């Protein structure tokens, strides 16, 4: 947890951001986590994964727009993604993940909800699912409330819950009662002890509790983890509780544990790969570094070899 805090804290310094975004040294690692900067790059990567028997969630990177005009532009960009998915031979295997702050949440709930409903309507025409990603804890309550408002009209949406937040058990109950699809993750933002567990063991414990509740009572939950120990425990839980393999899906990040993704698929599980793309990749990239120290070691080794 100390390493994660250090990475996330220092990543906000402008000189470090300029170094990472301008240096060619980081490009190979960025391309490991990010499919590219264009929609063509993303669709190509998505269709490649689908041909392996995997599902995909596309994410146009970008968050916290500054104006309503930018929010409208973001919504139109998401609509373009939907149209491209609808034209793909793998349409039924690809969905999208969005950030409500990209749709104008900082400009007001009304702005974001208007854009969100427009987007969901467009997606519903093609039977495409749209997941609202969970952002930092300051947005959690508003995101949950947004899903509660729109879900009765648009069942093609759901959200993400983070096991490190103290409030998550209650939110799991809300989403189960609502019937909305949930992706459960550990959480990748730097949060204070007042709102989030700080110990890895406790975060893992809460993750397992939430995942098991969702597997038993949730609506097609997404179990998002690359943690081998957690996966093995949940696989045993699925067997013990006689839970159908097609009643949920594993989700994993693009470029991480490809062997595990393919292995789970061969075992008969549904597996979805989360594929981000776009030029606003820096915040996403730093969160991935913070989650996995080995990625930083990769850069150091590359530097020494160079």
Protein backbone atom coordinates (compact mmCIF):
# COMPACT_ATOMS: atom_id res chain seq x y z
CA UNK A 1 0.00 0.00 0.00
CA UNK A 2 2.95 2.33 0.68
CA UNK A 3 4.29 1.80 -2.84
CA UNK A 4 0.87 2.52 -4.33
CA UNK A 5 0.51 5.71 -2.30
CA UNK A 6 3.96 6.86 -3.36
CA UNK A 7 3.28 6.30 -7.07
CA UNK A 8 -0.17 7.89 -7.03
CA UNK A 9 1.03 10.84 -4.97
CA UNK A 10 4.10 11.69 -7.03
CA UNK A 11 2.30 11.13 -10.35
CA UNK A 12 0.39 14.38 -9.82
CA UNK A 13 3.55 16.50 -10.07
CA UNK A 14 3.61 18.29 -13.47
CA UNK A 15 7.35 17.68 -14.12
CA UNK A 16 6.89 13.93 -13.70
CA UNK A 17 3.81 13.93 -15.92
CA UNK A 18 5.72 15.75 -18.65
CA UNK A 19 8.60 13.28 -18.35
CA UNK A 20 6.36 10.23 -18.67
CA UNK A 21 4.18 11.56 -21.48
CA UNK A 22 7.09 12.90 -23.56
CA UNK A 23 9.72 10.19 -23.02
CA UNK A 24 9.97 7.40 -25.59
CA UNK A 25 11.19 5.13 -22.80
CA UNK A 26 7.67 4.67 -21.45
CA UNK A 27 6.00 4.03 -24.80
CA UNK A 28 6.48 0.22 -24.90
CA UNK A 29 4.97 -0.13 -21.45
CA UNK A 30 2.12 2.25 -22.26
CA UNK A 31 1.30 0.19 -25.33
CA UNK A 32 1.20 -2.88 -23.12
CA UNK A 33 -1.71 -1.39 -21.15
CA UNK A 34 -3.31 0.88 -23.78
CA UNK A 35 -4.45 -0.38 -27.20
CA UNK A 36 -3.54 2.85 -28.99
CA UNK A 37 -4.75 6.41 -29.41
CA UNK A 38 -7.45 5.97 -32.06
CA UNK A 39 -10.80 4.19 -32.31
CA UNK A 40 -9.41 2.16 -35.21
CA UNK A 41 -6.67 0.91 -32.86
CA UNK A 42 -9.27 -0.01 -30.23
CA UNK A 43 -11.63 -1.81 -32.60
CA UNK A 44 -8.74 -3.77 -34.10
CA UNK A 45 -7.54 -4.84 -30.64
CA UNK A 46 -11.10 -5.71 -29.59
CA UNK A 47 -11.75 -7.90 -32.61
CA UNK A 48 -8.43 -9.67 -32.10
CA UNK A 49 -9.43 -10.56 -28.54
CA UNK A 50 -12.90 -11.67 -29.66
CA UNK A 51 -11.36 -14.02 -32.20
CA UNK A 52 -9.66 -15.75 -29.26
CA UNK A 53 -13.06 -16.37 -27.67
CA UNK A 54 -12.81 -13.48 -25.22
CA UNK A 55 -15.28 -10.64 -24.61
CA UNK A 56 -14.24 -6.97 -24.56
CA UNK A 57 -15.12 -3.72 -22.83
CA UNK A 58 -13.80 -0.62 -24.62
CA UNK A 59 -12.85 2.47 -22.63
CA UNK A 60 -12.09 5.84 -24.25
CA UNK A 61 -9.67 7.31 -21.72
CA UNK A 62 -10.53 10.74 -20.39
CA UNK A 63 -12.31 12.16 -17.36
CA UNK A 64 -13.22 15.40 -15.56
CA UNK A 65 -14.08 17.60 -18.53
CA UNK A 66 -14.05 21.34 -17.86
CA UNK A 67 -17.17 22.50 -19.74
CA UNK A 68 -20.59 21.30 -20.90
CA UNK A 69 -19.35 21.60 -24.49
CA UNK A 70 -16.54 19.14 -23.74
CA UNK A 71 -19.06 16.81 -22.10
CA UNK A 72 -21.18 16.86 -25.25
CA UNK A 73 -18.08 16.13 -27.34
CA UNK A 74 -17.26 13.17 -25.09
CA UNK A 75 -20.80 11.82 -25.44
CA UNK A 76 -20.54 12.06 -29.22
CA UNK A 77 -17.23 10.21 -29.12
CA UNK A 78 -18.87 7.44 -27.10
CA UNK A 79 -21.72 7.34 -29.63
CA UNK A 80 -19.17 6.85 -32.39
CA UNK A 81 -17.77 3.88 -30.46
CA UNK A 82 -21.27 2.40 -30.24
CA UNK A 83 -21.79 2.80 -33.97
CA UNK A 84 -18.47 1.10 -34.71
CA UNK A 85 -19.30 -1.79 -32.37
CA UNK A 86 -22.71 -2.15 -34.02
CA UNK A 87 -20.97 -2.53 -37.38
CA UNK A 88 -18.54 -5.18 -36.10
CA UNK A 89 -19.03 -8.91 -36.70
CA UNK A 90 -18.28 -9.24 -32.98
CA UNK A 91 -20.99 -6.80 -31.91
CA UNK A 92 -22.49 -9.14 -29.31
CA UNK A 93 -19.12 -9.62 -27.61
CA UNK A 94 -18.13 -5.96 -27.14
CA UNK A 95 -19.50 -3.36 -24.73
CA UNK A 96 -18.20 -0.02 -23.44
CA UNK A 97 -17.16 1.54 -20.15
CA UNK A 98 -17.59 5.26 -19.59
CA UNK A 99 -16.69 7.91 -17.01
CA UNK A 100 -19.56 10.04 -15.77
CA UNK A 101 -17.13 12.92 -15.21
CA UNK A 102 -16.42 12.76 -18.96
CA UNK A 103 -20.15 13.28 -19.51
CA UNK A 104 -20.24 16.38 -17.32
CA UNK A 105 -20.68 15.22 -13.72
CA UNK A 106 -18.49 18.10 -12.52
CA UNK A 107 -20.82 20.47 -14.35
CA UNK A 108 -23.84 19.03 -12.55
CA UNK A 109 -25.86 15.86 -12.16
CA UNK A 110 -28.40 17.13 -14.69
CA UNK A 111 -25.75 17.64 -17.38
CA UNK A 112 -24.25 14.19 -16.87
CA UNK A 113 -27.63 12.46 -16.68
CA UNK A 114 -28.84 14.08 -19.88
CA UNK A 115 -25.74 12.92 -21.75
CA UNK A 116 -25.86 9.51 -20.09
CA UNK A 117 -29.49 8.90 -21.06
CA UNK A 118 -28.83 9.98 -24.64
CA UNK A 119 -25.91 7.57 -24.82
CA UNK A 120 -27.85 4.70 -23.26
CA UNK A 121 -30.70 5.22 -25.70
CA UNK A 122 -28.29 5.00 -28.63
CA UNK A 123 -26.68 1.86 -27.17
CA UNK A 124 -30.04 0.22 -26.47
CA UNK A 125 -30.93 0.44 -30.17
CA UNK A 126 -28.04 -1.97 -30.81
CA UNK A 127 -28.40 -4.04 -27.62
CA UNK A 128 -25.05 -2.75 -26.34
CA UNK A 129 -24.26 -2.60 -22.63
CA UNK A 130 -22.74 0.59 -21.16
CA UNK A 131 -21.03 0.44 -17.76
CA UNK A 132 -20.44 3.57 -15.70
CA UNK A 133 -16.95 3.20 -14.24
CA UNK A 134 -16.49 4.15 -10.61
CA UNK A 135 -14.12 7.04 -10.03
CA UNK A 136 -12.67 8.54 -6.83
CA UNK A 137 -14.74 8.34 -3.64
CA UNK A 138 -16.04 11.90 -3.98
CA UNK A 139 -18.14 10.63 -6.92
CA UNK A 140 -19.31 7.33 -5.45
CA UNK A 141 -22.65 8.45 -3.99
CA UNK A 142 -23.53 10.46 -7.09
CA UNK A 143 -22.65 7.56 -9.39
CA UNK A 144 -24.77 5.10 -7.40
CA UNK A 145 -27.65 7.58 -7.36
CA UNK A 146 -27.32 8.08 -11.12
CA UNK A 147 -27.59 4.35 -11.78
CA UNK A 148 -30.63 4.13 -9.49
CA UNK A 149 -32.32 6.90 -11.50
CA UNK A 150 -31.59 5.67 -15.03
CA UNK A 151 -31.70 1.89 -14.61
CA UNK A 152 -35.51 1.64 -14.52
CA UNK A 153 -35.51 3.15 -18.03
CA UNK A 154 -32.28 1.62 -19.32
CA UNK A 155 -31.45 -1.89 -18.16
CA UNK A 156 -28.41 -1.85 -20.47
CA UNK A 157 -26.29 -0.17 -17.80
CA UNK A 158 -24.55 -0.97 -14.55
CA UNK A 159 -21.59 0.24 -12.54
CA UNK A 160 -18.44 -0.65 -10.61
CA UNK A 161 -17.95 -1.11 -6.87
CA UNK A 162 -14.60 -0.91 -5.08
CA UNK A 163 -13.93 -3.29 -2.20
CA UNK A 164 -11.60 -0.93 -0.37
CA UNK A 165 -14.37 1.58 0.37
CA UNK A 166 -16.09 1.23 3.76
CA UNK A 167 -19.47 1.85 2.15
CA UNK A 168 -19.28 -0.93 -0.44
CA UNK A 169 -21.26 -3.66 1.41
CA UNK A 170 -24.28 -1.34 1.43
CA UNK A 171 -23.80 -0.48 -2.23
CA UNK A 172 -23.63 -4.18 -3.12
CA UNK A 173 -27.03 -4.61 -1.49
CA UNK A 174 -28.43 -1.62 -3.41
CA UNK A 175 -27.26 -2.90 -6.77
CA UNK A 176 -28.47 -6.46 -6.11
CA UNK A 177 -31.89 -5.12 -5.12
CA UNK A 178 -31.96 -2.89 -8.21
CA UNK A 179 -30.98 -5.75 -10.52
CA UNK A 180 -28.08 -3.83 -12.07
CA UNK A 181 -24.90 -5.47 -13.27
CA UNK A 182 -21.84 -4.82 -11.08
CA UNK A 183 -18.13 -5.08 -11.74
CA UNK A 184 -16.31 -5.61 -8.44
CA UNK A 185 -12.74 -4.30 -8.18
CA UNK A 186 -10.36 -3.63 -5.30
CA UNK A 187 -9.94 0.08 -6.05
CA UNK A 188 -7.06 2.03 -7.59
CA UNK A 189 -7.41 5.61 -6.29
CA UNK A 190 -5.50 7.15 -3.40
CA UNK A 191 -8.14 7.37 -0.64
CA UNK A 192 -7.89 8.37 3.05
CA UNK A 193 -8.46 5.90 5.89
CA UNK A 194 -11.72 7.68 6.71
CA UNK A 195 -13.34 6.25 3.55
CA UNK A 196 -11.19 3.29 2.53
CA UNK A 197 -9.40 0.33 4.08
CA UNK A 198 -5.64 0.78 3.92
CA UNK A 199 -4.43 -2.78 4.56
CA UNK A 200 -4.13 -5.08 1.55
CA UNK A 201 -5.33 -8.08 3.53
CA UNK A 202 -8.53 -6.27 4.54
CA UNK A 203 -9.14 -5.03 0.99
CA UNK A 204 -8.75 -8.61 -0.29
CA UNK A 205 -11.07 -9.93 2.41
CA UNK A 206 -13.74 -7.37 1.54
CA UNK A 207 -13.30 -8.18 -2.14
CA UNK A 208 -14.02 -11.84 -1.54
CA UNK A 209 -17.07 -11.06 0.59
CA UNK A 210 -18.51 -8.75 -2.07
CA UNK A 211 -17.67 -11.10 -4.95
CA UNK A 212 -19.32 -14.06 -3.26
CA UNK A 213 -22.48 -12.06 -2.58
CA UNK A 214 -22.62 -10.97 -6.20
CA UNK A 215 -21.97 -14.47 -7.51
CA UNK A 216 -24.85 -15.85 -5.45
CA UNK A 217 -27.38 -13.02 -5.71
CA UNK A 218 -26.16 -10.53 -8.33
CA UNK A 219 -27.21 -10.07 -11.95
CA UNK A 220 -24.42 -11.34 -14.23
CA UNK A 221 -21.61 -9.83 -12.11
CA UNK A 222 -18.13 -9.10 -13.42
CA UNK A 223 -15.36 -10.39 -11.16
CA UNK A 224 -12.46 -8.12 -12.08
CA UNK A 225 -9.13 -9.34 -10.75
CA UNK A 226 -5.77 -10.73 -11.81
CA UNK A 227 -5.10 -12.02 -8.26
CA UNK A 228 -4.46 -15.76 -8.65
CA UNK A 229 -5.26 -16.60 -5.02
CA UNK A 230 -8.59 -14.77 -5.16
CA UNK A 231 -9.48 -16.41 -8.47
CA UNK A 232 -8.78 -19.88 -7.09
CA UNK A 233 -10.89 -19.26 -3.99
CA UNK A 234 -13.79 -17.96 -6.06
CA UNK A 235 -13.55 -20.84 -8.52
CA UNK A 236 -13.93 -23.22 -5.58
CA UNK A 237 -16.87 -21.15 -4.29
CA UNK A 238 -18.55 -21.45 -7.70
CA UNK A 239 -18.21 -25.24 -7.56
CA UNK A 240 -19.36 -25.52 -3.93
CA UNK A 241 -22.41 -23.31 -4.49
CA UNK A 242 -23.22 -24.91 -7.85
CA UNK A 243 -23.07 -21.55 -9.64
CA UNK A 244 -23.30 -21.75 -13.44
CA UNK A 245 -20.15 -20.70 -15.28
CA UNK A 246 -22.15 -18.57 -17.71
CA UNK A 247 -23.94 -16.63 -14.95
CA UNK A 248 -20.99 -14.28 -14.45
CA UNK A 249 -17.75 -13.24 -16.12
CA UNK A 250 -14.15 -12.68 -15.13
CA UNK A 251 -12.72 -9.34 -16.22
CA UNK A 252 -9.06 -8.54 -16.68
CA UNK A 253 -7.01 -5.65 -17.93
CA UNK A 254 -5.62 -5.50 -21.44
CA UNK A 255 -1.98 -6.53 -21.49
CA UNK A 256 -1.95 -8.21 -18.08
CA UNK A 257 -1.95 -11.96 -17.42
CA UNK A 258 -2.91 -13.02 -20.92
CA UNK A 259 -2.10 -16.60 -19.88
CA UNK A 260 -4.66 -16.41 -17.09
CA UNK A 261 -7.30 -14.94 -19.41
CA UNK A 262 -6.89 -17.71 -21.94
CA UNK A 263 -6.69 -20.38 -19.24
CA UNK A 264 -10.00 -19.37 -17.69
CA UNK A 265 -11.62 -19.28 -21.11
CA UNK A 266 -10.41 -22.82 -21.83
CA UNK A 267 -12.00 -23.90 -18.54
CA UNK A 268 -15.35 -22.73 -19.91
CA UNK A 269 -15.67 -19.39 -18.13
CA UNK A 270 -16.70 -16.12 -19.74
CA UNK A 271 -13.74 -13.72 -19.75
CA UNK A 272 -13.86 -10.05 -20.73
CA UNK A 273 -10.79 -7.92 -21.45
CA UNK A 274 -10.94 -4.24 -20.50
CA UNK A 275 -9.31 -2.36 -23.39
CA UNK A 276 -8.53 1.34 -22.89
CA UNK A 277 -7.44 3.66 -25.67
CA UNK A 278 -6.99 7.37 -26.42
CA UNK A 279 -4.44 10.09 -25.87
CA UNK A 280 -5.54 10.83 -22.29
CA UNK A 281 -3.78 7.75 -20.98
CA UNK A 282 -1.58 9.18 -18.19
CA UNK A 283 -3.95 8.82 -15.17
CA UNK A 284 -4.87 5.28 -16.19
CA UNK A 285 -1.21 4.37 -16.75
CA UNK A 286 -0.09 5.60 -13.34
CA UNK A 287 -2.86 3.65 -11.62
CA UNK A 288 -1.65 0.48 -13.36
CA UNK A 289 1.94 1.17 -12.24
CA UNK A 290 0.75 1.69 -8.67
CA UNK A 291 -1.09 -1.63 -8.70
CA UNK A 292 1.87 -3.65 -9.96
CA UNK A 293 5.46 -2.82 -8.86
CA UNK A 294 6.82 -5.23 -11.50
CA UNK A 295 5.82 -2.72 -14.16
CA UNK A 296 8.15 -0.12 -12.70
CA UNK A 297 10.96 -2.69 -12.59
CA UNK A 298 10.36 -3.23 -16.31
CA UNK A 299 11.13 0.45 -16.93
CA UNK A 300 14.23 0.39 -14.75
CA UNK A 301 15.61 -2.65 -16.58
CA UNK A 302 14.91 -0.97 -19.93
CA UNK A 303 16.78 2.13 -18.77
CA UNK A 304 19.82 0.12 -17.68
CA UNK A 305 19.89 -1.82 -20.96
CA UNK A 306 19.62 1.43 -22.91
